[in-house]
Amino acid sequence: MGILIKNGTVVNAHQTLSADVYCDADKITAIGKDLEVPAGTQIIDADGKLVMPGGIDPHTHFELLFMGTVSRDDFFSGTAAGLAGGTTTTIDMCIPDPGQSLLEGVSVWKQRAEKAAADYSFHVAVSSWSTRVSEEMGEVVKTHGIPSFKHFMAYKGAYMVDDEAMLHSFARARELGAIVNVHCENGDAVAYLQADLLRRGVTGPEGHPLSRPIEVEAEATNRVISIAQITKTPLYIVHVSCKEALEAVSRARLSGQKVYAEALGAHLTIDDSVYKSADFDEAAGFVMSPPFRSKGHCQALWNGLQAGHIQVVASDHVTFNKEQKRMGRDNFAAIPNGTGGIEDRMSLVWDGGVRRGLLSPEEFVAVTSANAAKIYNMWPRKGLVAPGADADIVVWDPHASKTISAKTHNHATDFSIFEGRTVTGIPSATVARGRIAYLNGQLRAERGAGRLVKRYAFGVAYAANHA
């Protein structure tokens, strides 16, 4: 049964027009006025609303084993929450255990993702270097359709990768036509500061931002940009949180280097005052890395979005409940790092960006969907409302509001870092793979309805000429 979305305004990153949209099976097949559709077609009335590409969140961590526990949202609950917020595709971080085969990691993640309610892909983490890793990177790209590799400069003793391994991995990625993703924090500096703070008796959540100051992010960002320039590898820096790191990205881009930057909806809207709470549960709930910064850095990120130096807003969705956060009750370094946000990501950007006049609706589509589709080689299949594209669509009500709360959200955790925040601009309907997955407040997510999106690699010539 097809779906006709009528009376709406279609908004793509490059164009806005008044038109109806018809979806047949899992594809958009027609756009225009007075479309002829078969009897029995499902109708969604989008009068007064915007019809946009479904959101793409390229940074999630579903059912991740991390810091001695497992994140709360699995691939079903996480993608279902995304559908409630207008996100129809995620790219999850496949993180093999240290020393584990990359291919074994991909196999594990594929099994976990079989329950996903929306389409998904992966980035595969590289934490060490060997001939086997090099060979498996080729298999990951060519056989599995995953041309992106994640590197952690943080989390010493776990996922942290050294400069030598990055040099080899980056060069191999470029050879394969893949892009590299990097978490930029100096892991040695963080470990030193954590030990120093604990030795001085700082054990509460307030120690988290003190152990990860701006300098550790700025240094790592500058260093990885240089490594990517040496190897001529396209680089995507995840969760930029401070002005100094953004300035490093801007300089590199202005010099012609192929560097992309991502901000998080949380870093755009929350400042570091949250760590001052005397309530452990409240303060620990905001422990994530990099930590939240002062308000001036929040504004710098908005400025970066406006200027085009930040191309994508993601969520870095990894949820833990209060009891899990209490694992670090006497040691802030043991508080599981991570916060939720996939359901709220798009509304936060609309409310804080479009409503304030910082972004246009077209720019909103770019930073929440189209840019990620292009950077990660899913466009024009994803990130576009056009004939032939996947039937992944969000019908957006720019005037409707909601108050975010753990009592009503679809995340599998018992608190929300956005608790009590009212946002204007929310989905009224989400169509995923040609199915109505969310409509007027009712979530209709189907377990296992999502599919793995195989992505193509950049040509070697493209990678060489656009580094």
Protein backbone atom coordinates (compact mmCIF):
# COMPACT_ATOMS: atom_id res chain seq x y z
CA MET A 1 0.00 0.00 0.00
CA GLY A 2 1.44 3.35 -1.06
CA ILE A 3 1.57 6.58 0.93
CA LEU A 4 0.61 10.04 -0.33
CA ILE A 5 1.83 13.03 1.66
CA LYS A 6 -0.25 15.94 0.43
CA ASN A 7 -0.63 19.71 0.92
CA GLY A 8 2.85 20.12 2.40
CA THR A 9 5.96 22.11 1.54
CA VAL A 10 8.88 19.95 0.45
CA VAL A 11 12.19 21.14 1.90
CA ASN A 12 15.51 19.76 0.69
CA ALA A 13 18.93 21.19 1.44
CA HIS A 14 19.00 22.82 -2.01
CA GLN A 15 15.35 23.64 -2.70
CA THR A 16 11.88 24.31 -1.27
CA LEU A 17 8.65 23.82 -3.21
CA SER A 18 4.95 23.17 -2.66
CA ALA A 19 4.26 19.60 -3.77
CA ASP A 20 2.73 16.29 -2.84
CA VAL A 21 4.93 13.22 -2.39
CA TYR A 22 3.97 9.66 -3.30
CA CYS A 23 5.81 6.64 -1.94
CA ASP A 24 5.40 3.16 -3.39
CA ALA A 25 6.94 0.30 -1.40
CA ASP A 26 10.25 1.62 -0.04
CA LYS A 27 10.91 4.34 -2.65
CA ILE A 28 9.67 7.84 -3.43
CA THR A 29 8.19 7.52 -6.91
CA ALA A 30 6.53 10.88 -7.65
CA ILE A 31 6.55 14.51 -6.53
CA GLY A 32 4.10 17.11 -7.86
CA LYS A 33 0.59 18.48 -7.67
CA ASP A 34 -2.62 16.50 -8.18
CA LEU A 35 -0.84 13.17 -8.33
CA GLU A 36 -2.91 10.19 -9.42
CA VAL A 37 -2.54 7.41 -6.88
CA PRO A 38 -4.06 3.93 -6.54
CA ALA A 39 -7.19 3.30 -4.51
CA GLY A 40 -6.38 2.40 -0.92
CA THR A 41 -3.35 4.69 -0.74
CA GLN A 42 -2.64 5.88 2.80
CA ILE A 43 -2.96 9.66 3.08
CA ILE A 44 -0.94 11.94 5.35
CA ASP A 45 -2.21 15.51 5.33
CA ALA A 46 0.78 17.85 5.67
CA ASP A 47 -1.13 21.12 5.42
CA GLY A 48 0.92 23.82 7.13
CA LYS A 49 3.82 21.43 7.61
CA LEU A 50 7.18 20.73 6.00
CA VAL A 51 8.06 17.49 4.21
CA MET A 52 11.76 16.78 4.65
CA PRO A 53 14.25 13.92 4.28
CA GLY A 54 14.31 11.66 7.30
CA GLY A 55 17.06 12.56 9.70
CA ILE A 56 20.43 10.81 9.60
CA ASP A 57 22.28 10.45 12.90
CA PRO A 58 25.83 9.34 12.04
CA HIS A 59 27.02 8.87 15.62
CA THR A 60 25.28 6.38 17.91
CA HIS A 61 26.32 3.64 20.35
CA PHE A 62 23.58 1.03 20.79
CA GLU A 63 24.00 -1.82 23.35
CA LEU A 64 27.64 -0.91 23.80
CA LEU A 65 29.76 -2.71 26.40
CA PHE A 66 31.65 0.19 27.93
CA MET A 67 33.30 0.97 31.28
CA GLY A 68 32.09 -2.24 32.84
CA THR A 69 28.45 -2.04 31.81
CA VAL A 70 26.20 -2.12 28.74
CA SER A 71 24.37 0.94 27.43
CA ARG A 72 20.62 0.81 27.90
CA ASP A 73 19.32 1.35 24.38
CA ASP A 74 19.66 -1.57 22.00
CA PHE A 75 19.18 -1.34 18.23
CA PHE A 76 15.41 -1.60 18.54
CA SER A 77 14.75 0.90 21.33
CA GLY A 78 17.43 3.28 20.01
CA THR A 79 16.20 3.36 16.42
CA ALA A 80 12.58 3.48 17.60
CA ALA A 81 13.36 6.58 19.69
CA GLY A 82 15.03 8.03 16.62
CA LEU A 83 11.88 7.48 14.55
CA ALA A 84 9.84 9.33 17.18
CA GLY A 85 12.19 12.28 16.66
CA GLY A 86 12.27 12.14 12.85
CA THR A 87 15.52 10.17 12.41
CA THR A 88 15.23 7.33 9.90
CA THR A 89 18.88 6.25 9.50
CA THR A 90 21.70 5.79 12.01
CA ILE A 91 25.39 4.98 11.69
CA ASP A 92 26.45 3.11 14.79
CA MET A 93 29.99 2.74 16.09
CA CYS A 94 31.11 -0.88 15.73
CA ILE A 95 33.87 -1.15 18.33
CA PRO A 96 35.61 -4.54 18.38
CA ASP A 97 37.21 -5.52 21.67
CA PRO A 98 40.93 -4.66 21.83
CA GLY A 99 42.73 -7.34 19.83
CA GLN A 100 39.52 -8.71 18.35
CA SER A 101 39.26 -9.15 14.60
CA LEU A 102 37.53 -6.25 12.83
CA LEU A 103 35.47 -8.78 10.91
CA GLU A 104 34.38 -10.49 14.12
CA GLY A 105 33.30 -7.09 15.42
CA VAL A 106 31.27 -6.43 12.28
CA SER A 107 29.61 -9.83 12.63
CA VAL A 108 28.63 -9.12 16.24
CA TRP A 109 27.21 -5.69 15.36
CA LYS A 110 25.25 -7.09 12.43
CA GLN A 111 23.62 -9.63 14.73
CA ARG A 112 22.74 -6.95 17.27
CA ALA A 113 21.28 -4.73 14.55
CA GLU A 114 18.88 -7.35 13.21
CA LYS A 115 16.24 -5.95 15.60
CA ALA A 116 16.58 -2.35 14.33
CA ALA A 117 13.37 -0.51 13.49
CA ALA A 118 15.07 1.81 10.98
CA ASP A 119 17.91 1.62 8.49
CA TYR A 120 21.47 1.60 9.79
CA SER A 121 25.12 1.41 8.85
CA PHE A 122 28.35 1.23 10.84
CA HIS A 123 31.72 2.84 11.38
CA VAL A 124 34.37 0.31 12.44
CA ALA A 125 36.86 1.25 15.15
CA VAL A 126 40.59 0.66 14.71
CA SER A 127 42.50 0.56 18.01
CA SER A 128 45.78 -1.06 16.95
CA TRP A 129 47.80 -1.76 13.82
CA SER A 130 48.95 -4.99 12.19
CA THR A 131 49.00 -6.71 8.82
CA ARG A 132 45.75 -8.41 9.79
CA VAL A 133 44.07 -5.08 10.54
CA SER A 134 45.18 -3.74 7.17
CA GLU A 135 43.78 -6.75 5.33
CA GLU A 136 40.53 -6.68 7.28
CA MET A 137 40.02 -2.99 6.60
CA GLY A 138 39.91 -3.95 2.92
CA GLU A 139 37.25 -6.57 3.60
CA VAL A 140 35.22 -4.13 5.71
CA VAL A 141 35.08 -1.66 2.82
CA LYS A 142 34.81 -3.96 -0.19
CA THR A 143 32.66 -6.79 1.15
CA HIS A 144 30.60 -5.16 3.88
CA GLY A 145 30.12 -1.70 2.38
CA ILE A 146 31.51 0.19 5.39
CA PRO A 147 33.96 2.87 4.14
CA SER A 148 34.51 4.68 7.46
CA PHE A 149 36.80 3.90 10.38
CA LYS A 150 36.63 5.29 13.92
CA HIS A 151 39.70 6.15 16.02
CA PHE A 152 39.75 7.09 19.71
CA MET A 153 42.57 9.33 20.91
CA ALA A 154 41.04 9.00 24.40
CA TYR A 155 40.23 6.12 26.82
CA LYS A 156 43.76 5.01 27.63
CA GLY A 157 43.96 1.30 28.36
CA ALA A 158 40.84 0.57 26.35
CA TYR A 159 40.21 2.00 22.88
CA MET A 160 42.95 4.62 22.68
CA VAL A 161 45.05 4.42 19.52
CA ASP A 162 48.56 5.85 19.21
CA ASP A 163 49.88 8.14 16.49
CA GLU A 164 51.81 5.40 14.69
CA ALA A 165 48.70 3.24 14.38
CA MET A 166 46.70 6.24 13.16
CA LEU A 167 49.27 7.02 10.49
CA HIS A 168 49.10 3.48 9.13
CA SER A 169 45.31 3.26 9.46
CA PHE A 170 44.73 6.66 7.84
CA ALA A 171 46.98 5.81 4.90
CA ARG A 172 45.20 2.48 4.42
CA ALA A 173 41.80 4.19 4.61
CA ARG A 174 42.84 6.64 1.90
CA GLU A 175 44.05 3.75 -0.26
CA LEU A 176 40.63 2.10 0.13
CA GLY A 177 38.67 5.28 -0.50
CA ALA A 178 37.41 5.45 3.10
CA ILE A 179 37.03 8.34 5.52
CA VAL A 180 38.38 8.34 9.09
CA ASN A 181 36.41 9.47 12.16
CA VAL A 182 38.29 10.62 15.24
CA HIS A 183 37.41 11.30 18.88
CA CYS A 184 39.87 14.07 19.72
CA GLU A 185 41.07 14.13 23.32
CA ASN A 186 44.65 13.57 24.49
CA GLY A 187 44.18 10.32 26.39
CA ASP A 188 47.54 10.51 28.17
CA ALA A 189 46.71 13.99 29.48
CA VAL A 190 43.26 12.88 30.61
CA ALA A 191 44.71 9.89 32.50
CA TYR A 192 47.30 12.15 34.17
CA LEU A 193 44.69 14.71 35.22
CA GLN A 194 42.29 12.06 36.49
CA ALA A 195 44.97 10.56 38.72
CA ASP A 196 46.05 13.98 39.96
CA LEU A 197 42.51 15.06 40.83
CA LEU A 198 41.74 11.80 42.63
CA ARG A 199 44.99 12.08 44.58
CA ARG A 200 43.89 15.54 45.71
CA GLY A 201 40.53 14.21 46.88
CA VAL A 202 38.34 15.33 43.98
CA THR A 203 36.08 12.31 43.49
CA GLY A 204 32.67 13.72 42.46
CA PRO A 205 31.28 14.44 38.97
CA GLU A 206 32.81 17.92 39.09
CA GLY A 207 36.15 16.21 38.49
CA HIS A 208 35.06 15.03 35.04
CA PRO A 209 35.29 18.40 33.22
CA LEU A 210 38.40 19.29 35.23
CA SER A 211 40.13 16.18 33.89
CA ARG A 212 39.14 16.94 30.29
CA PRO A 213 39.81 20.67 29.84
CA ILE A 214 39.70 22.46 26.51
CA GLU A 215 43.45 22.00 26.04
CA VAL A 216 43.22 18.21 25.76
CA GLU A 217 40.63 18.48 22.99
CA ALA A 218 42.36 21.34 21.17
CA GLU A 219 45.76 19.61 21.21
CA ALA A 220 44.36 16.34 19.90
CA THR A 221 42.34 18.11 17.21
CA ASN A 222 45.39 19.98 15.91
CA ARG A 223 47.47 16.81 16.02
CA VAL A 224 45.01 14.62 14.13
CA ILE A 225 44.51 17.29 11.48
CA SER A 226 48.26 17.20 10.90
CA ILE A 227 48.28 13.40 10.72
CA ALA A 228 45.45 13.46 8.19
CA GLN A 229 47.32 16.06 6.15
CA ILE A 230 50.47 13.93 6.15
CA THR A 231 48.53 10.93 4.82
CA LYS A 232 46.18 13.00 2.62
CA THR A 233 43.16 11.30 4.19
CA PRO A 234 39.63 12.79 4.43
CA LEU A 235 38.94 13.41 8.11
CA TYR A 236 35.70 13.69 10.12
CA ILE A 237 36.05 14.96 13.69
CA VAL A 238 33.26 13.83 15.98
CA HIS A 239 31.63 15.89 18.73
CA VAL A 240 33.61 19.14 18.49
CA SER A 241 32.78 20.86 21.77
CA CYS A 242 34.97 23.95 22.10
CA LYS A 243 35.95 27.07 20.20
CA GLU A 244 39.63 26.15 20.03
CA ALA A 245 38.98 22.81 18.35
CA LEU A 246 36.57 24.46 15.92
CA GLU A 247 39.18 27.07 15.06
CA ALA A 248 41.63 24.29 14.18
CA VAL A 249 39.02 22.75 11.88
CA SER A 250 38.29 26.12 10.27
CA ARG A 251 41.97 26.78 9.59
CA ALA A 252 42.40 23.38 8.00
CA ARG A 253 39.34 23.82 5.79
CA LEU A 254 40.43 27.28 4.71
CA SER A 255 43.80 25.82 3.70
CA GLY A 256 42.02 23.34 1.43
CA GLN A 257 42.22 20.25 3.63
CA LYS A 258 39.27 17.85 3.52
CA VAL A 259 38.12 18.06 7.13
CA TYR A 260 34.53 17.73 8.36
CA ALA A 261 33.25 18.59 11.83
CA GLU A 262 30.34 17.32 13.86
CA ALA A 263 28.59 18.99 16.78
CA LEU A 264 26.15 17.35 19.18
CA GLY A 265 22.69 18.63 19.95
CA ALA A 266 23.64 18.43 23.62
CA HIS A 267 26.79 20.54 23.27
CA LEU A 268 24.78 23.18 21.44
CA THR A 269 22.26 23.54 24.24
CA ILE A 270 23.81 22.57 27.61
CA ASP A 271 26.65 24.34 29.45
CA ASP A 272 29.05 23.23 32.17
CA SER A 273 26.98 24.61 35.04
CA VAL A 274 25.30 21.17 35.19
CA TYR A 275 28.36 19.73 36.97
CA LYS A 276 27.91 22.07 39.92
CA SER A 277 24.86 20.27 41.29
CA ALA A 278 25.28 18.81 44.76
CA ASP A 279 23.01 15.94 43.72
CA PHE A 280 25.28 13.14 42.48
CA ASP A 281 22.64 11.58 40.22
CA GLU A 282 21.91 14.88 38.56
CA ALA A 283 25.52 15.85 37.93
CA ALA A 284 26.63 12.33 36.95
CA GLY A 285 23.87 12.18 34.36
CA PHE A 286 25.75 14.80 32.34
CA VAL A 287 29.08 12.95 32.36
CA MET A 288 30.07 12.47 28.73
CA SER A 289 33.22 13.09 26.74
CA PRO A 290 34.13 15.70 25.76
CA PRO A 291 32.29 17.32 28.69
CA PHE A 292 29.93 20.25 28.46
CA ARG A 293 31.64 23.62 28.13
CA SER A 294 30.81 27.20 29.11
CA LYS A 295 28.09 29.10 27.28
CA GLY A 296 30.59 30.89 25.08
CA HIS A 297 31.60 27.59 23.52
CA CYS A 298 27.94 26.69 22.90
CA GLN A 299 27.58 29.92 20.93
CA ALA A 300 30.82 29.23 19.06
CA LEU A 301 29.34 25.94 17.85
CA TRP A 302 26.22 27.72 16.59
CA ASN A 303 28.51 30.18 14.82
CA GLY A 304 30.35 27.24 13.26
CA LEU A 305 27.09 25.81 11.97
CA GLN A 306 26.11 29.17 10.49
CA ALA A 307 29.48 29.59 8.81
CA GLY A 308 29.52 26.05 7.41
CA HIS A 309 32.61 24.95 9.32
CA ILE A 310 30.45 22.39 11.16
CA GLN A 311 28.55 20.24 8.69
CA VAL A 312 26.62 17.78 10.85
CA VAL A 313 24.69 17.67 14.11
CA ALA A 314 24.65 14.19 15.68
CA SER A 315 23.63 12.77 19.05
CA ASP A 316 26.48 10.46 20.19
CA HIS A 317 23.60 8.53 21.73
CA VAL A 318 24.75 6.17 24.48
CA THR A 319 22.40 5.84 27.42
CA PHE A 320 23.01 4.66 30.97
CA ASN A 321 20.52 4.75 33.83
CA LYS A 322 21.08 6.30 37.22
CA GLU A 323 22.17 3.04 38.83
CA GLN A 324 24.84 2.56 36.16
CA LYS A 325 26.12 6.10 36.65
CA ARG A 326 26.48 5.33 40.38
CA MET A 327 29.30 2.93 39.51
CA GLY A 328 31.43 6.06 39.85
CA ARG A 329 29.96 7.23 43.13
CA ASP A 330 33.41 7.45 44.76
CA ASN A 331 35.47 7.94 41.60
CA PHE A 332 34.33 10.26 38.82
CA ALA A 333 36.63 8.43 36.37
CA ALA A 334 34.45 5.33 36.78
CA ILE A 335 31.16 7.04 35.86
CA PRO A 336 30.07 5.55 32.51
CA ASN A 337 30.51 8.26 29.90
CA GLY A 338 27.49 8.96 27.73
CA THR A 339 24.13 10.67 27.33
CA GLY A 340 20.98 10.15 25.26
CA GLY A 341 19.69 12.39 22.54
CA ILE A 342 18.67 10.64 19.31
CA GLU A 343 14.98 11.40 19.86
CA ASP A 344 15.57 15.08 20.63
CA ARG A 345 18.39 15.90 18.18
CA MET A 346 16.33 17.39 15.36
CA SER A 347 13.98 19.37 17.59
CA LEU A 348 16.92 20.89 19.46
CA VAL A 349 18.44 22.10 16.19
CA TRP A 350 15.14 23.50 14.90
CA ASP A 351 14.28 25.21 18.17
CA GLY A 352 17.74 26.63 18.82
CA GLY A 353 18.72 27.26 15.22
CA VAL A 354 15.81 27.88 12.87
CA ARG A 355 13.50 29.56 15.37
CA ARG A 356 16.27 31.95 16.41
CA GLY A 357 17.04 32.83 12.81
CA LEU A 358 20.49 31.21 12.88
CA LEU A 359 19.67 28.55 10.29
CA SER A 360 17.24 28.38 7.38
CA PRO A 361 14.96 25.35 6.96
CA GLU A 362 17.20 24.26 4.07
CA GLU A 363 20.28 24.51 6.29
CA PHE A 364 18.43 22.51 8.93
CA VAL A 365 17.95 19.70 6.41
CA ALA A 366 21.62 19.91 5.49
CA VAL A 367 22.99 19.56 9.04
CA THR A 368 20.49 16.94 10.22
CA SER A 369 20.37 14.77 7.10
CA ALA A 370 21.76 15.70 3.69
CA ASN A 371 25.34 16.50 4.68
CA ALA A 372 25.75 13.21 6.53
CA ALA A 373 24.31 11.38 3.52
CA LYS A 374 26.88 13.03 1.26
CA ILE A 375 29.88 12.68 3.57
CA TYR A 376 29.14 9.01 4.20
CA ASN A 377 28.15 8.13 0.62
CA MET A 378 24.43 7.47 1.04
CA TRP A 379 23.25 10.40 -1.08
CA PRO A 380 21.01 10.65 -3.12
CA ARG A 381 19.48 7.43 -1.77
CA LYS A 382 19.26 9.09 1.65
CA GLY A 383 19.04 12.75 2.66
CA LEU A 384 16.81 13.79 -0.24
CA VAL A 385 13.09 13.95 -1.05
CA ALA A 386 13.08 13.10 -4.76
CA PRO A 387 11.89 10.33 -7.07
CA GLY A 388 14.14 7.29 -6.69
CA ALA A 389 15.26 8.13 -3.15
CA ASP A 390 14.38 5.89 -0.23
CA ALA A 391 10.96 6.55 1.27
CA ASP A 392 12.47 7.98 4.46
CA ILE A 393 10.56 11.17 5.23
CA VAL A 394 9.70 13.32 8.21
CA VAL A 395 6.61 15.53 8.17
CA TRP A 396 7.66 18.44 10.36
CA ASP A 397 5.37 20.75 12.29
CA PRO A 398 7.35 23.95 12.80
CA HIS A 399 4.80 25.40 15.22
CA ALA A 400 4.03 22.46 17.52
CA SER A 401 5.86 22.15 20.82
CA LYS A 402 6.68 19.50 23.39
CA THR A 403 8.37 19.40 26.77
CA ILE A 404 11.11 16.79 26.93
CA SER A 405 10.86 14.40 29.86
CA ALA A 406 11.98 10.93 30.89
CA LYS A 407 8.31 10.24 31.63
CA THR A 408 7.41 10.49 27.96
CA HIS A 409 10.57 9.87 25.94
CA ASN A 410 11.23 6.59 24.13
CA HIS A 411 14.82 6.15 25.31
CA ALA A 412 15.39 3.12 27.54
CA THR A 413 16.76 5.12 30.44
CA ASP A 414 15.31 6.64 33.58
CA PHE A 415 16.39 10.25 33.12
CA SER A 416 16.88 12.84 30.40
CA ILE A 417 19.61 15.47 30.25
CA PHE A 418 17.01 17.72 28.57
CA GLU A 419 14.39 17.21 31.30
CA GLY A 420 11.85 20.06 31.34
CA ARG A 421 13.18 21.76 28.19
CA THR A 422 10.37 22.87 25.86
CA VAL A 423 11.17 22.75 22.15
CA THR A 424 9.14 24.07 19.25
CA GLY A 425 9.40 22.17 15.97
CA ILE A 426 8.60 18.45 16.18
CA PRO A 427 7.66 15.61 13.84
CA SER A 428 4.00 14.91 13.19
CA ALA A 429 4.80 11.85 11.05
CA THR A 430 7.84 9.75 10.20
CA VAL A 431 7.92 7.42 7.22
CA ALA A 432 10.73 4.84 7.18
CA ARG A 433 11.27 2.46 4.26
CA GLY A 434 7.77 3.32 3.05
CA ARG A 435 6.08 2.49 6.38
CA ILE A 436 4.41 4.98 8.71
CA ALA A 437 6.58 4.54 11.81
CA TYR A 438 5.34 7.53 13.82
CA LEU A 439 2.10 9.49 13.48
CA ASN A 440 0.66 12.22 15.69
CA GLY A 441 2.39 11.09 18.85
CA GLN A 442 1.93 7.37 18.28
CA LEU A 443 5.08 5.31 17.74
CA ARG A 444 4.61 2.43 15.30
CA ALA A 445 8.15 1.11 15.19
CA GLU A 446 8.51 -2.46 13.91
CA ARG A 447 11.26 -4.68 15.30
CA GLY A 448 13.52 -5.81 12.47
CA ALA A 449 12.10 -3.43 9.85
CA GLY A 450 15.46 -1.69 9.36
CA ARG A 451 18.09 -2.82 6.88
CA LEU A 452 21.86 -2.45 6.61
CA VAL A 453 22.76 0.30 4.17
CA LYS A 454 25.86 -0.67 2.21
CA ARG A 455 27.85 2.40 1.26
CA TYR A 456 30.28 2.87 -1.59
CA ALA A 457 33.89 3.94 -1.19
CA PHE A 458 35.39 7.09 -2.62
CA GLY A 459 37.48 6.41 -5.70
CA VAL A 460 41.20 6.47 -5.00
CA ALA A 461 41.55 9.40 -7.41
CA TYR A 462 38.79 11.27 -5.54
CA ALA A 463 40.50 10.71 -2.19
CA ALA A 464 43.84 11.89 -3.58
CA ASN A 465 42.46 15.00 -5.24
CA HIS A 466 40.16 16.08 -2.41
CA ALA A 467 42.31 15.47 0.66
